Amino acid sequence: MPMNWDVTEVTVQGDAALWVRFYDGLEGSVTFLPTAFRGVFARLSQPEEFQKARIQDGVLTWPGELDLAPDAMHDAIAAHGKWVLD
């Protein structure tokens, strides 16, 4: 059974921003600040890699087993209309 925070849609909006919709209908933006592109996320600073965002089993993912926690993303968007990663 899907959870409210399962991601159902994603649209890449530039080199560091996404729009997402969740199973419960909540929607909002996810923005990566330049400082977020470090560690495992460093390769996403390359626009061609960032553009590969997709949904797998309700989770926003990129190739190479990179993902964002859908529950944390949902909570931030529910509270602020957006999630800014820094």
N, C-alpha and C. Protein backbone atom coordinates (compact mmCIF):
# COMPACT_ATOMS: atom_id res chain seq x y z
N MET A 1 0.85 -1.19 0.00
CA MET A 1 0.00 0.00 0.00
C MET A 1 0.89 1.25 0.00
N PRO A 2 0.61 2.19 -0.88
CA PRO A 2 1.44 3.40 -0.95
C PRO A 2 1.35 4.22 0.34
N MET A 3 2.42 4.91 0.64
CA MET A 3 2.46 5.83 1.77
C MET A 3 2.20 7.24 1.24
N ASN A 4 1.71 8.12 2.10
CA ASN A 4 1.43 9.50 1.68
C ASN A 4 2.65 10.17 1.09
N TRP A 5 3.85 9.82 1.58
CA TRP A 5 5.07 10.49 1.10
C TRP A 5 5.69 9.82 -0.11
N ASP A 6 5.05 8.82 -0.68
CA ASP A 6 5.56 8.23 -1.93
C ASP A 6 5.49 9.27 -3.04
N VAL A 7 6.59 9.44 -3.74
CA VAL A 7 6.64 10.39 -4.85
C VAL A 7 5.97 9.75 -6.06
N THR A 8 5.06 10.49 -6.70
CA THR A 8 4.36 9.97 -7.86
C THR A 8 4.74 10.68 -9.15
N GLU A 9 5.26 11.91 -9.03
CA GLU A 9 5.69 12.66 -10.23
C GLU A 9 6.92 13.48 -9.88
N VAL A 10 7.79 13.64 -10.86
CA VAL A 10 8.94 14.52 -10.72
C VAL A 10 9.19 15.20 -12.05
N THR A 11 9.51 16.49 -11.99
CA THR A 11 9.89 17.26 -13.17
C THR A 11 11.16 18.01 -12.82
N VAL A 12 12.18 17.84 -13.64
CA VAL A 12 13.42 18.58 -13.45
C VAL A 12 13.20 20.00 -13.95
N GLN A 13 13.58 20.97 -13.13
CA GLN A 13 13.39 22.38 -13.47
C GLN A 13 14.73 23.10 -13.38
N GLY A 14 15.57 22.86 -14.33
CA GLY A 14 16.88 23.48 -14.34
C GLY A 14 17.96 22.54 -13.85
N ASP A 15 19.11 23.11 -13.53
CA ASP A 15 20.27 22.31 -13.16
C ASP A 15 20.33 21.95 -11.69
N ALA A 16 19.43 22.51 -10.88
CA ALA A 16 19.49 22.26 -9.45
C ALA A 16 18.13 22.32 -8.77
N ALA A 17 17.05 22.15 -9.54
CA ALA A 17 15.71 22.25 -8.96
C ALA A 17 14.79 21.20 -9.57
N LEU A 18 13.85 20.76 -8.74
CA LEU A 18 12.86 19.76 -9.14
C LEU A 18 11.49 20.19 -8.64
N TRP A 19 10.47 19.69 -9.28
CA TRP A 19 9.10 19.81 -8.78
C TRP A 19 8.64 18.38 -8.54
N VAL A 20 8.00 18.13 -7.39
CA VAL A 20 7.53 16.78 -7.07
C VAL A 20 6.07 16.81 -6.62
N ARG A 21 5.41 15.70 -6.85
CA ARG A 21 4.07 15.47 -6.32
C ARG A 21 4.10 14.14 -5.57
N PHE A 22 3.38 14.11 -4.45
CA PHE A 22 3.32 12.92 -3.62
C PHE A 22 1.99 12.21 -3.76
N TYR A 23 1.92 11.00 -3.27
CA TYR A 23 0.73 10.16 -3.34
C TYR A 23 -0.50 10.87 -2.76
N ASP A 24 -0.29 11.65 -1.70
CA ASP A 24 -1.43 12.32 -1.05
C ASP A 24 -1.83 13.63 -1.75
N GLY A 25 -1.17 13.96 -2.86
CA GLY A 25 -1.50 15.16 -3.62
C GLY A 25 -0.64 16.37 -3.29
N LEU A 26 0.10 16.32 -2.20
CA LEU A 26 1.00 17.42 -1.86
C LEU A 26 2.03 17.59 -2.97
N GLU A 27 2.35 18.84 -3.29
CA GLU A 27 3.36 19.09 -4.31
C GLU A 27 4.19 20.30 -3.90
N GLY A 28 5.40 20.37 -4.44
CA GLY A 28 6.27 21.48 -4.13
C GLY A 28 7.61 21.33 -4.81
N SER A 29 8.52 22.24 -4.46
CA SER A 29 9.83 22.26 -5.12
C SER A 29 10.91 21.71 -4.21
N VAL A 30 11.95 21.21 -4.86
CA VAL A 30 13.17 20.76 -4.19
C VAL A 30 14.31 21.50 -4.87
N THR A 31 15.09 22.23 -4.08
CA THR A 31 16.19 23.01 -4.63
C THR A 31 17.49 22.60 -3.97
N PHE A 32 18.49 22.32 -4.79
CA PHE A 32 19.83 22.03 -4.31
C PHE A 32 20.63 23.33 -4.34
N LEU A 33 21.10 23.80 -3.20
CA LEU A 33 22.04 24.92 -3.19
C LEU A 33 23.40 24.39 -3.63
N PRO A 34 24.30 25.24 -4.09
CA PRO A 34 25.62 24.77 -4.54
C PRO A 34 26.34 23.92 -3.49
N THR A 35 26.15 24.24 -2.21
CA THR A 35 26.82 23.49 -1.15
C THR A 35 26.28 22.08 -0.98
N ALA A 36 25.12 21.78 -1.55
CA ALA A 36 24.55 20.42 -1.45
C ALA A 36 25.26 19.43 -2.36
N PHE A 37 25.95 19.93 -3.36
CA PHE A 37 26.63 19.07 -4.32
C PHE A 37 28.01 18.66 -3.81
N ARG A 38 28.00 17.88 -2.75
CA ARG A 38 29.24 17.37 -2.17
C ARG A 38 29.01 15.91 -1.79
N GLY A 39 30.09 15.22 -1.48
CA GLY A 39 29.99 13.82 -1.09
C GLY A 39 29.34 13.01 -2.20
N VAL A 40 28.40 12.16 -1.85
CA VAL A 40 27.76 11.30 -2.84
C VAL A 40 26.97 12.09 -3.87
N PHE A 41 26.57 13.32 -3.54
CA PHE A 41 25.79 14.14 -4.46
C PHE A 41 26.66 15.00 -5.37
N ALA A 42 27.97 14.92 -5.27
CA ALA A 42 28.86 15.77 -6.05
C ALA A 42 28.62 15.63 -7.55
N ARG A 43 28.39 14.42 -8.02
CA ARG A 43 28.22 14.24 -9.47
C ARG A 43 26.93 14.86 -9.99
N LEU A 44 25.97 15.12 -9.10
CA LEU A 44 24.73 15.77 -9.55
C LEU A 44 24.94 17.23 -9.90
N SER A 45 26.10 17.77 -9.58
CA SER A 45 26.40 19.16 -9.99
C SER A 45 26.58 19.25 -11.50
N GLN A 46 26.77 18.12 -12.15
CA GLN A 46 26.83 18.08 -13.61
C GLN A 46 25.39 18.02 -14.13
N PRO A 47 24.97 19.04 -14.89
CA PRO A 47 23.58 19.09 -15.34
C PRO A 47 23.08 17.80 -16.00
N GLU A 48 23.91 17.15 -16.79
CA GLU A 48 23.47 15.93 -17.46
C GLU A 48 23.17 14.80 -16.46
N GLU A 49 23.82 14.82 -15.32
CA GLU A 49 23.54 13.81 -14.28
C GLU A 49 22.29 14.20 -13.49
N PHE A 50 22.15 15.47 -13.16
CA PHE A 50 20.98 15.93 -12.41
C PHE A 50 19.70 15.64 -13.19
N GLN A 51 19.75 15.78 -14.51
CA GLN A 51 18.59 15.57 -15.37
C GLN A 51 18.08 14.12 -15.35
N LYS A 52 18.85 13.21 -14.82
CA LYS A 52 18.48 11.79 -14.82
C LYS A 52 17.57 11.42 -13.65
N ALA A 53 17.04 12.39 -12.94
CA ALA A 53 16.13 12.13 -11.82
C ALA A 53 14.95 11.29 -12.29
N ARG A 54 14.56 10.34 -11.46
CA ARG A 54 13.43 9.47 -11.78
C ARG A 54 12.81 8.97 -10.48
N ILE A 55 11.69 8.29 -10.61
CA ILE A 55 11.01 7.72 -9.44
C ILE A 55 11.15 6.21 -9.50
N GLN A 56 11.54 5.64 -8.38
CA GLN A 56 11.63 4.18 -8.27
C GLN A 56 11.00 3.78 -6.95
N ASP A 57 9.91 3.04 -7.03
CA ASP A 57 9.20 2.58 -5.84
C ASP A 57 8.84 3.71 -4.89
N GLY A 58 8.39 4.84 -5.44
CA GLY A 58 7.95 5.97 -4.62
C GLY A 58 9.07 6.86 -4.10
N VAL A 59 10.30 6.60 -4.56
CA VAL A 59 11.46 7.36 -4.08
C VAL A 59 12.10 8.09 -5.26
N LEU A 60 12.45 9.35 -5.04
CA LEU A 60 13.17 10.13 -6.05
C LEU A 60 14.61 9.65 -6.07
N THR A 61 15.06 9.17 -7.23
CA THR A 61 16.38 8.57 -7.33
C THR A 61 17.14 9.07 -8.56
N TRP A 62 18.42 8.77 -8.56
CA TRP A 62 19.31 8.96 -9.70
C TRP A 62 20.11 7.68 -9.87
N PRO A 63 20.62 7.43 -11.06
CA PRO A 63 21.47 6.25 -11.24
C PRO A 63 22.64 6.26 -10.24
N GLY A 64 23.07 5.07 -9.88
CA GLY A 64 24.16 4.96 -8.92
C GLY A 64 23.67 4.86 -7.48
N GLU A 65 22.40 4.54 -7.32
CA GLU A 65 21.78 4.35 -6.00
C GLU A 65 21.75 5.61 -5.15
N LEU A 66 21.62 6.77 -5.80
CA LEU A 66 21.42 8.03 -5.08
C LEU A 66 19.94 8.27 -4.92
N ASP A 67 19.52 8.71 -3.75
CA ASP A 67 18.10 9.01 -3.56
C ASP A 67 17.94 10.07 -2.47
N LEU A 68 16.73 10.61 -2.41
CA LEU A 68 16.36 11.54 -1.36
C LEU A 68 15.29 10.89 -0.51
N ALA A 69 15.37 11.09 0.79
CA ALA A 69 14.40 10.51 1.72
C ALA A 69 13.02 11.11 1.47
N PRO A 70 12.07 10.31 0.98
CA PRO A 70 10.76 10.88 0.64
C PRO A 70 10.00 11.42 1.84
N ASP A 71 10.15 10.82 3.01
CA ASP A 71 9.44 11.30 4.19
C ASP A 71 9.95 12.66 4.64
N ALA A 72 11.27 12.86 4.62
CA ALA A 72 11.85 14.16 4.98
C ALA A 72 11.46 15.23 3.96
N MET A 73 11.47 14.85 2.67
CA MET A 73 11.08 15.77 1.61
C MET A 73 9.61 16.17 1.79
N HIS A 74 8.75 15.21 2.05
CA HIS A 74 7.32 15.46 2.26
C HIS A 74 7.11 16.41 3.44
N ASP A 75 7.80 16.12 4.56
CA ASP A 75 7.63 16.96 5.75
C ASP A 75 8.04 18.41 5.49
N ALA A 76 9.17 18.61 4.80
CA ALA A 76 9.64 19.96 4.52
C ALA A 76 8.69 20.70 3.58
N ILE A 77 8.21 20.01 2.55
CA ILE A 77 7.29 20.65 1.61
C ILE A 77 5.94 20.93 2.27
N ALA A 78 5.48 20.04 3.13
CA ALA A 78 4.22 20.28 3.85
C ALA A 78 4.35 21.51 4.75
N ALA A 79 5.51 21.70 5.35
CA ALA A 79 5.71 22.82 6.27
C ALA A 79 6.03 24.13 5.56
N HIS A 80 6.77 24.06 4.45
CA HIS A 80 7.30 25.29 3.84
C HIS A 80 6.98 25.46 2.34
N GLY A 81 6.37 24.44 1.73
CA GLY A 81 6.09 24.51 0.31
C GLY A 81 7.28 24.18 -0.56
N LYS A 82 8.42 23.94 0.08
CA LYS A 82 9.64 23.63 -0.65
C LYS A 82 10.61 22.92 0.29
N TRP A 83 11.61 22.29 -0.31
CA TRP A 83 12.70 21.68 0.44
C TRP A 83 13.99 22.20 -0.18
N VAL A 84 14.78 22.87 0.61
CA VAL A 84 16.05 23.41 0.14
C VAL A 84 17.17 22.61 0.77
N LEU A 85 17.98 21.99 -0.08
CA LEU A 85 19.11 21.19 0.39
C LEU A 85 20.37 22.02 0.33
N ASP A 86 21.12 22.04 1.42
CA ASP A 86 22.35 22.82 1.42
C ASP A 86 23.55 22.04 1.92
